Amino acid sequence: MTREKHDQYCKQLAAELLWEKGDVKRHYEISPGKARQADIYFRPSPTADLKTLGLLGKIAATPCLLEHFYNQPTKIGLQTCIQKLFT
C-alpha cells in the first residue's frame, strides 16, 4: 500500500512540475494491441524554459517517456522500459 502512495506522489509531482512547460500525458498508452503504458509522456512547448527544473528540465528538453521506480530497476525492468521507448 505504501509503495502505491509513493508511486502516485512521484508521478503527480513530475506531472505538476511539467504541465506548464508542455504537453503532459499520464498513463500514456504505448501500443493499442498490448497493455503497455508509460507513467508520463512529455512533449515540451517550443517556448518552455526548462532550465528552472534542473536535471528534470534537461531530461525533458525533448519529447520523452518518464518511468518512476520505487527501487533500483531490475534488468527485466530496464529492458521493458527500453522496449516501450522503441515501440
PDB file of N, CA and C in Angstrom:
ATOM      1  N   MET A   1       0.822  -1.189   0.000  1.00  0.00           N
ATOM      2  CA  MET A   1       0.000   0.000   0.000  1.00  0.00           C
ATOM      3  C   MET A   1       0.873   1.262   0.000  1.00  0.00           C
ATOM      4  N   THR A   2       1.918   1.274   0.810  1.00  0.00           N
ATOM      5  CA  THR A   2       2.784   2.444   0.886  1.00  0.00           C
ATOM      6  C   THR A   2       3.450   2.704  -0.451  1.00  0.00           C
ATOM      7  N   ARG A   3       3.847   1.639  -1.121  1.00  0.00           N
ATOM      8  CA  ARG A   3       4.517   1.790  -2.404  1.00  0.00           C
ATOM      9  C   ARG A   3       3.615   2.490  -3.415  1.00  0.00           C
ATOM     10  N   GLU A   4       2.348   2.129  -3.448  1.00  0.00           N
ATOM     11  CA  GLU A   4       1.421   2.747  -4.389  1.00  0.00           C
ATOM     12  C   GLU A   4       1.265   4.237  -4.103  1.00  0.00           C
ATOM     13  N   LYS A   5       1.204   4.618  -2.836  1.00  0.00           N
ATOM     14  CA  LYS A   5       1.098   6.034  -2.496  1.00  0.00           C
ATOM     15  C   LYS A   5       2.350   6.774  -2.938  1.00  0.00           C
ATOM     16  N   HIS A   6       3.509   6.157  -2.735  1.00  0.00           N
ATOM     17  CA  HIS A   6       4.778   6.767  -3.135  1.00  0.00           C
ATOM     18  C   HIS A   6       4.824   6.922  -4.655  1.00  0.00           C
ATOM     19  N   ASP A   7       4.431   5.892  -5.373  1.00  0.00           N
ATOM     20  CA  ASP A   7       4.413   5.951  -6.834  1.00  0.00           C
ATOM     21  C   ASP A   7       3.484   7.055  -7.324  1.00  0.00           C
ATOM     22  N   GLN A   8       2.291   7.099  -6.779  1.00  0.00           N
ATOM     23  CA  GLN A   8       1.323   8.117  -7.194  1.00  0.00           C
ATOM     24  C   GLN A   8       1.843   9.513  -6.912  1.00  0.00           C
ATOM     25  N   TYR A   9       2.477   9.700  -5.763  1.00  0.00           N
ATOM     26  CA  TYR A   9       3.017  11.013  -5.406  1.00  0.00           C
ATOM     27  C   TYR A   9       4.094  11.449  -6.403  1.00  0.00           C
ATOM     28  N   CYS A  10       5.015  10.555  -6.729  1.00  0.00           N
ATOM     29  CA  CYS A  10       6.099  10.898  -7.652  1.00  0.00           C
ATOM     30  C   CYS A  10       5.578  11.191  -9.053  1.00  0.00           C
ATOM     31  N   LYS A  11       4.617  10.417  -9.516  1.00  0.00           N
ATOM     32  CA  LYS A  11       4.038  10.652 -10.836  1.00  0.00           C
ATOM     33  C   LYS A  11       3.299  11.994 -10.865  1.00  0.00           C
ATOM     34  N   GLN A  12       2.550  12.278  -9.808  1.00  0.00           N
ATOM     35  CA  GLN A  12       1.809  13.525  -9.729  1.00  0.00           C
ATOM     36  C   GLN A  12       2.761  14.716  -9.644  1.00  0.00           C
ATOM     37  N   LEU A  13       3.838  14.581  -8.868  1.00  0.00           N
ATOM     38  CA  LEU A  13       4.808  15.658  -8.734  1.00  0.00           C
ATOM     39  C   LEU A  13       5.467  15.984 -10.074  1.00  0.00           C
ATOM     40  N   ALA A  14       5.898  14.970 -10.802  1.00  0.00           N
ATOM     41  CA  ALA A  14       6.527  15.188 -12.105  1.00  0.00           C
ATOM     42  C   ALA A  14       5.538  15.841 -13.068  1.00  0.00           C
ATOM     43  N   ALA A  15       4.303  15.372 -13.069  1.00  0.00           N
ATOM     44  CA  ALA A  15       3.290  15.949 -13.954  1.00  0.00           C
ATOM     45  C   ALA A  15       3.021  17.409 -13.591  1.00  0.00           C
ATOM     46  N   GLU A  16       2.958  17.721 -12.301  1.00  0.00           N
ATOM     47  CA  GLU A  16       2.717  19.102 -11.864  1.00  0.00           C
ATOM     48  C   GLU A  16       3.874  20.020 -12.242  1.00  0.00           C
ATOM     49  N   LEU A  17       5.093  19.525 -12.133  1.00  0.00           N
ATOM     50  CA  LEU A  17       6.251  20.346 -12.493  1.00  0.00           C
ATOM     51  C   LEU A  17       6.308  20.626 -13.990  1.00  0.00           C
ATOM     52  N   LEU A  18       5.834  19.688 -14.787  1.00  0.00           N
ATOM     53  CA  LEU A  18       5.957  19.799 -16.239  1.00  0.00           C
ATOM     54  C   LEU A  18       4.734  20.381 -16.950  1.00  0.00           C
ATOM     55  N   TRP A  19       3.585  20.446 -16.305  1.00  0.00           N
ATOM     56  CA  TRP A  19       2.350  20.774 -17.024  1.00  0.00           C
ATOM     57  C   TRP A  19       2.368  22.152 -17.665  1.00  0.00           C
ATOM     58  N   GLU A  20       3.037  23.133 -17.082  1.00  0.00           N
ATOM     59  CA  GLU A  20       3.098  24.459 -17.693  1.00  0.00           C
ATOM     60  C   GLU A  20       4.164  24.549 -18.784  1.00  0.00           C
ATOM     61  N   LYS A  21       5.012  23.552 -18.869  1.00  0.00           N
ATOM     62  CA  LYS A  21       6.143  23.578 -19.797  1.00  0.00           C
ATOM     63  C   LYS A  21       5.858  22.878 -21.121  1.00  0.00           C
ATOM     64  N   GLY A  22       4.727  22.188 -21.217  1.00  0.00           N
ATOM     65  CA  GLY A  22       4.413  21.472 -22.447  1.00  0.00           C
ATOM     66  C   GLY A  22       3.232  20.547 -22.268  1.00  0.00           C
ATOM     67  N   ASP A  23       3.148  19.548 -23.117  1.00  0.00           N
ATOM     68  CA  ASP A  23       2.043  18.592 -23.119  1.00  0.00           C
ATOM     69  C   ASP A  23       2.412  17.385 -22.257  1.00  0.00           C
ATOM     70  N   VAL A  24       1.644  17.159 -21.190  1.00  0.00           N
ATOM     71  CA  VAL A  24       1.887  16.047 -20.273  1.00  0.00           C
ATOM     72  C   VAL A  24       0.732  15.066 -20.376  1.00  0.00           C
ATOM     73  N   LYS A  25       1.065  13.798 -20.580  1.00  0.00           N
ATOM     74  CA  LYS A  25       0.041  12.755 -20.591  1.00  0.00           C
ATOM     75  C   LYS A  25       0.440  11.690 -19.581  1.00  0.00           C
ATOM     76  N   ARG A  26      -0.398  11.497 -18.587  1.00  0.00           N
ATOM     77  CA  ARG A  26      -0.147  10.454 -17.593  1.00  0.00           C
ATOM     78  C   ARG A  26      -0.769   9.148 -18.064  1.00  0.00           C
ATOM     79  N   HIS A  27      -0.172   8.029 -17.683  1.00  0.00           N
ATOM     80  CA  HIS A  27      -0.633   6.696 -18.070  1.00  0.00           C
ATOM     81  C   HIS A  27      -0.770   6.615 -19.592  1.00  0.00           C
ATOM     82  N   TYR A  28       0.282   7.014 -20.273  1.00  0.00           N
ATOM     83  CA  TYR A  28       0.302   7.077 -21.736  1.00  0.00           C
ATOM     84  C   TYR A  28       0.333   5.673 -22.318  1.00  0.00           C
ATOM     85  N   GLU A  29      -0.633   5.351 -23.171  1.00  0.00           N
ATOM     86  CA  GLU A  29      -0.711   4.024 -23.787  1.00  0.00           C
ATOM     87  C   GLU A  29       0.295   3.932 -24.927  1.00  0.00           C
ATOM     88  N   ILE A  30       1.179   2.945 -24.847  1.00  0.00           N
ATOM     89  CA  ILE A  30       2.258   2.789 -25.821  1.00  0.00           C
ATOM     90  C   ILE A  30       1.755   2.195 -27.124  1.00  0.00           C
ATOM     91  N   SER A  31       1.115   1.055 -27.034  1.00  0.00           N
ATOM     92  CA  SER A  31       0.600   0.429 -28.249  1.00  0.00           C
ATOM     93  C   SER A  31      -0.804  -0.095 -27.964  1.00  0.00           C
ATOM     94  N   PRO A  32      -1.741   0.142 -28.855  1.00  0.00           N
ATOM     95  CA  PRO A  32      -3.119  -0.283 -28.607  1.00  0.00           C
ATOM     96  C   PRO A  32      -3.287  -1.792 -28.488  1.00  0.00           C
ATOM     97  N   GLY A  33      -2.442  -2.578 -29.154  1.00  0.00           N
ATOM     98  CA  GLY A  33      -2.585  -4.023 -29.149  1.00  0.00           C
ATOM     99  C   GLY A  33      -2.181  -4.688 -27.843  1.00  0.00           C
ATOM    100  N   LYS A  34      -1.233  -4.076 -27.129  1.00  0.00           N
ATOM    101  CA  LYS A  34      -0.733  -4.665 -25.886  1.00  0.00           C
ATOM    102  C   LYS A  34      -1.022  -3.718 -24.736  1.00  0.00           C
ATOM    103  N   ALA A  35      -1.144  -4.273 -23.550  1.00  0.00           N
ATOM    104  CA  ALA A  35      -1.429  -3.463 -22.374  1.00  0.00           C
ATOM    105  C   ALA A  35      -0.130  -2.886 -21.812  1.00  0.00           C
ATOM    106  N   ARG A  36       0.431  -1.905 -22.505  1.00  0.00           N
ATOM    107  CA  ARG A  36       1.668  -1.266 -22.066  1.00  0.00           C
ATOM    108  C   ARG A  36       1.430   0.224 -21.916  1.00  0.00           C
ATOM    109  N   GLN A  37       1.848   0.732 -20.777  1.00  0.00           N
ATOM    110  CA  GLN A  37       1.700   2.151 -20.526  1.00  0.00           C
ATOM    111  C   GLN A  37       2.983   2.705 -19.948  1.00  0.00           C
ATOM    112  N   ALA A  38       3.265   3.954 -20.278  1.00  0.00           N
ATOM    113  CA  ALA A  38       4.359   4.689 -19.644  1.00  0.00           C
ATOM    114  C   ALA A  38       3.738   5.561 -18.562  1.00  0.00           C
ATOM    115  N   ASP A  39       4.489   5.818 -17.500  1.00  0.00           N
ATOM    116  CA  ASP A  39       3.963   6.659 -16.426  1.00  0.00           C
ATOM    117  C   ASP A  39       3.612   8.042 -16.948  1.00  0.00           C
ATOM    118  N   ILE A  40       4.543   8.672 -17.661  1.00  0.00           N
ATOM    119  CA  ILE A  40       4.329  10.022 -18.179  1.00  0.00           C
ATOM    120  C   ILE A  40       4.964  10.146 -19.559  1.00  0.00           C
ATOM    121  N   TYR A  41       4.213  10.746 -20.481  1.00  0.00           N
ATOM    122  CA  TYR A  41       4.751  11.150 -21.782  1.00  0.00           C
ATOM    123  C   TYR A  41       4.769  12.672 -21.773  1.00  0.00           C
ATOM    124  N   PHE A  42       5.909  13.249 -22.111  1.00  0.00           N
ATOM    125  CA  PHE A  42       6.034  14.701 -22.101  1.00  0.00           C
ATOM    126  C   PHE A  42       6.593  15.198 -23.421  1.00  0.00           C
ATOM    127  N   ARG A  43       5.950  16.226 -23.958  1.00  0.00           N
ATOM    128  CA  ARG A  43       6.420  16.907 -25.162  1.00  0.00           C
ATOM    129  C   ARG A  43       6.518  18.394 -24.817  1.00  0.00           C
ATOM    130  N   PRO A  44       7.746  18.945 -24.781  1.00  0.00           N
ATOM    131  CA  PRO A  44       7.900  20.345 -24.377  1.00  0.00           C
ATOM    132  C   PRO A  44       7.378  21.313 -25.431  1.00  0.00           C
ATOM    133  N   SER A  45       6.887  22.452 -24.965  1.00  0.00           N
ATOM    134  CA  SER A  45       6.489  23.502 -25.908  1.00  0.00           C
ATOM    135  C   SER A  45       7.755  24.225 -26.365  1.00  0.00           C
ATOM    136  N   PRO A  46       7.742  24.790 -27.554  1.00  0.00           N
ATOM    137  CA  PRO A  46       8.955  25.439 -28.081  1.00  0.00           C
ATOM    138  C   PRO A  46       9.432  26.623 -27.230  1.00  0.00           C
ATOM    139  N   THR A  47       8.529  27.259 -26.518  1.00  0.00           N
ATOM    140  CA  THR A  47       8.901  28.440 -25.730  1.00  0.00           C
ATOM    141  C   THR A  47       9.147  28.125 -24.255  1.00  0.00           C
ATOM    142  N   ALA A  48       9.115  26.860 -23.884  1.00  0.00           N
ATOM    143  CA  ALA A  48       9.258  26.475 -22.471  1.00  0.00           C
ATOM    144  C   ALA A  48      10.666  26.729 -21.957  1.00  0.00           C
ATOM    145  N   ASP A  49      10.755  27.286 -20.764  1.00  0.00           N
ATOM    146  CA  ASP A  49      12.042  27.479 -20.089  1.00  0.00           C
ATOM    147  C   ASP A  49      12.221  26.330 -19.099  1.00  0.00           C
ATOM    148  N   LEU A  50      12.944  25.311 -19.506  1.00  0.00           N
ATOM    149  CA  LEU A  50      13.112  24.116 -18.686  1.00  0.00           C
ATOM    150  C   LEU A  50      14.324  24.193 -17.768  1.00  0.00           C
ATOM    151  N   LYS A  51      15.124  25.230 -17.872  1.00  0.00           N
ATOM    152  CA  LYS A  51      16.332  25.348 -17.047  1.00  0.00           C
ATOM    153  C   LYS A  51      16.000  25.426 -15.563  1.00  0.00           C
ATOM    154  N   THR A  52      14.837  25.948 -15.236  1.00  0.00           N
ATOM    155  CA  THR A  52      14.454  26.081 -13.827  1.00  0.00           C
ATOM    156  C   THR A  52      14.194  24.730 -13.167  1.00  0.00           C
ATOM    157  N   LEU A  53      14.034  23.685 -13.961  1.00  0.00           N
ATOM    158  CA  LEU A  53      13.754  22.348 -13.415  1.00  0.00           C
ATOM    159  C   LEU A  53      15.010  21.516 -13.188  1.00  0.00           C
ATOM    160  N   GLY A  54      16.172  22.052 -13.504  1.00  0.00           N
ATOM    161  CA  GLY A  54      17.423  21.334 -13.266  1.00  0.00           C
ATOM    162  C   GLY A  54      17.551  20.092 -14.130  1.00  0.00           C
ATOM    163  N   LEU A  55      17.876  18.966 -13.497  1.00  0.00           N
ATOM    164  CA  LEU A  55      18.074  17.712 -14.226  1.00  0.00           C
ATOM    165  C   LEU A  55      16.797  17.265 -14.932  1.00  0.00           C
ATOM    166  N   LEU A  56      15.651  17.430 -14.280  1.00  0.00           N
ATOM    167  CA  LEU A  56      14.383  17.076 -14.930  1.00  0.00           C
ATOM    168  C   LEU A  56      14.194  17.898 -16.198  1.00  0.00           C
ATOM    169  N   GLY A  57      14.572  19.159 -16.174  1.00  0.00           N
ATOM    170  CA  GLY A  57      14.479  20.007 -17.358  1.00  0.00           C
ATOM    171  C   GLY A  57      15.382  19.536 -18.481  1.00  0.00           C
ATOM    172  N   LYS A  58      16.576  19.051 -18.143  1.00  0.00           N
ATOM    173  CA  LYS A  58      17.479  18.519 -19.168  1.00  0.00           C
ATOM    174  C   LYS A  58      16.908  17.248 -19.787  1.00  0.00           C
ATOM    175  N   ILE A  59      16.325  16.403 -18.963  1.00  0.00           N
ATOM    176  CA  ILE A  59      15.718  15.165 -19.461  1.00  0.00           C
ATOM    177  C   ILE A  59      14.529  15.485 -20.356  1.00  0.00           C
ATOM    178  N   ALA A  60      13.740  16.473 -19.963  1.00  0.00           N
ATOM    179  CA  ALA A  60      12.503  16.806 -20.667  1.00  0.00           C
ATOM    180  C   ALA A  60      12.693  17.832 -21.773  1.00  0.00           C
ATOM    181  N   ALA A  61      13.913  18.105 -22.178  1.00  0.00           N
ATOM    182  CA  ALA A  61      14.167  19.089 -23.236  1.00  0.00           C
ATOM    183  C   ALA A  61      13.663  18.611 -24.597  1.00  0.00           C
ATOM    184  N   THR A  62      13.527  17.318 -24.768  1.00  0.00           N
ATOM    185  CA  THR A  62      12.972  16.730 -25.986  1.00  0.00           C
ATOM    186  C   THR A  62      11.817  15.822 -25.579  1.00  0.00           C
ATOM    187  N   PRO A  63      10.935  15.439 -26.502  1.00  0.00           N
ATOM    188  CA  PRO A  63       9.854  14.528 -26.135  1.00  0.00           C
ATOM    189  C   PRO A  63      10.415  13.265 -25.471  1.00  0.00           C
ATOM    190  N   CYS A  64       9.792  12.861 -24.367  1.00  0.00           N
ATOM    191  CA  CYS A  64      10.337  11.727 -23.613  1.00  0.00           C
ATOM    192  C   CYS A  64       9.249  10.970 -22.868  1.00  0.00           C
ATOM    193  N   LEU A  65       9.583   9.744 -22.504  1.00  0.00           N
ATOM    194  CA  LEU A  65       8.771   8.922 -21.614  1.00  0.00           C
ATOM    195  C   LEU A  65       9.463   8.918 -20.261  1.00  0.00           C
ATOM    196  N   LEU A  66       8.695   9.093 -19.194  1.00  0.00           N
ATOM    197  CA  LEU A  66       9.252   9.063 -17.846  1.00  0.00           C
ATOM    198  C   LEU A  66       8.643   7.895 -17.084  1.00  0.00           C
ATOM    199  N   GLU A  67       9.486   7.065 -16.537  1.00  0.00           N
ATOM    200  CA  GLU A  67       9.064   5.926 -15.725  1.00  0.00           C
ATOM    201  C   GLU A  67       9.624   6.111 -14.326  1.00  0.00           C
ATOM    202  N   HIS A  68       8.801   5.933 -13.346  1.00  0.00           N
ATOM    203  CA  HIS A  68       9.231   6.060 -11.957  1.00  0.00           C
ATOM    204  C   HIS A  68       9.491   4.671 -11.377  1.00  0.00           C
ATOM    205  N   PHE A  69      10.583   4.532 -10.649  1.00  0.00           N
ATOM    206  CA  PHE A  69      10.909   3.278  -9.970  1.00  0.00           C
ATOM    207  C   PHE A  69      11.055   3.546  -8.485  1.00  0.00           C
ATOM    208  N   TYR A  70      10.413   2.733  -7.682  1.00  0.00           N
ATOM    209  CA  TYR A  70      10.497   2.848  -6.232  1.00  0.00           C
ATOM    210  C   TYR A  70      11.866   2.365  -5.747  1.00  0.00           C
ATOM    211  N   ASN A  71      12.325   1.273  -6.310  1.00  0.00           N
ATOM    212  CA  ASN A  71      13.647   0.714  -6.014  1.00  0.00           C
ATOM    213  C   ASN A  71      14.462   0.691  -7.301  1.00  0.00           C
ATOM    214  N   GLN A  72      15.713   0.310  -7.176  1.00  0.00           N
ATOM    215  CA  GLN A  72      16.559   0.166  -8.360  1.00  0.00           C
ATOM    216  C   GLN A  72      15.903  -0.832  -9.307  1.00  0.00           C
ATOM    217  N   PRO A  73      15.762  -0.470 -10.590  1.00  0.00           N
ATOM    218  CA  PRO A  73      15.106  -1.378 -11.527  1.00  0.00           C
ATOM    219  C   PRO A  73      15.947  -2.624 -11.791  1.00  0.00           C
ATOM    220  N   THR A  74      15.259  -3.716 -12.034  1.00  0.00           N
ATOM    221  CA  THR A  74      15.936  -4.964 -12.380  1.00  0.00           C
ATOM    222  C   THR A  74      16.321  -4.915 -13.863  1.00  0.00           C
ATOM    223  N   LYS A  75      17.048  -5.910 -14.294  1.00  0.00           N
ATOM    224  CA  LYS A  75      17.444  -5.993 -15.698  1.00  0.00           C
ATOM    225  C   LYS A  75      16.200  -6.075 -16.581  1.00  0.00           C
ATOM    226  N   ILE A  76      15.226  -6.861 -16.170  1.00  0.00           N
ATOM    227  CA  ILE A  76      13.993  -7.005 -16.938  1.00  0.00           C
ATOM    228  C   ILE A  76      13.215  -5.690 -16.947  1.00  0.00           C
ATOM    229  N   GLY A  77      13.208  -4.974 -15.823  1.00  0.00           N
ATOM    230  CA  GLY A  77      12.538  -3.677 -15.768  1.00  0.00           C
ATOM    231  C   GLY A  77      13.148  -2.677 -16.731  1.00  0.00           C
ATOM    232  N   LEU A  78      14.471  -2.659 -16.803  1.00  0.00           N
ATOM    233  CA  LEU A  78      15.148  -1.775 -17.754  1.00  0.00           C
ATOM    234  C   LEU A  78      14.858  -2.173 -19.195  1.00  0.00           C
ATOM    235  N   GLN A  79      14.873  -3.476 -19.463  1.00  0.00           N
ATOM    236  CA  GLN A  79      14.581  -3.947 -20.815  1.00  0.00           C
ATOM    237  C   GLN A  79      13.154  -3.580 -21.223  1.00  0.00           C
ATOM    238  N   THR A  80      12.223  -3.664 -20.287  1.00  0.00           N
ATOM    239  CA  THR A  80      10.839  -3.302 -20.565  1.00  0.00           C
ATOM    240  C   THR A  80      10.721  -1.822 -20.907  1.00  0.00           C
ATOM    241  N   CYS A  81      11.437  -0.971 -20.159  1.00  0.00           N
ATOM    242  CA  CYS A  81      11.396   0.475 -20.435  1.00  0.00           C
ATOM    243  C   CYS A  81      11.995   0.788 -21.801  1.00  0.00           C
ATOM    244  N   ILE A  82      13.088   0.151 -22.136  1.00  0.00           N
ATOM    245  CA  ILE A  82      13.713   0.383 -23.436  1.00  0.00           C
ATOM    246  C   ILE A  82      12.803  -0.096 -24.555  1.00  0.00           C
ATOM    247  N   GLN A  83      12.125  -1.222 -24.323  1.00  0.00           N
ATOM    248  CA  GLN A  83      11.206  -1.745 -25.333  1.00  0.00           C
ATOM    249  C   GLN A  83      10.037  -0.768 -25.527  1.00  0.00           C
ATOM    250  N   LYS A  84       9.522  -0.174 -24.439  1.00  0.00           N
ATOM    251  CA  LYS A  84       8.462   0.825 -24.557  1.00  0.00           C
ATOM    252  C   LYS A  84       8.928   2.018 -25.371  1.00  0.00           C
ATOM    253  N   LEU A  85      10.159   2.442 -25.135  1.00  0.00           N
ATOM    254  CA  LEU A  85      10.704   3.589 -25.850  1.00  0.00           C
ATOM    255  C   LEU A  85      10.803   3.311 -27.345  1.00  0.00           C
ATOM    256  N   PHE A  86      11.288   2.124 -27.716  1.00  0.00           N
ATOM    257  CA  PHE A  86      11.424   1.791 -29.126  1.00  0.00           C
ATOM    258  C   PHE A  86      10.071   1.534 -29.799  1.00  0.00           C
ATOM    259  N   THR A  87       9.096   1.075 -29.022  1.00  0.00           N
ATOM    260  CA  THR A  87       7.748   0.854 -29.576  1.00  0.00           C
ATOM    261  C   THR A  87       7.112   2.183 -29.885  1.00  0.00           C
TER     262      THR A  87
END
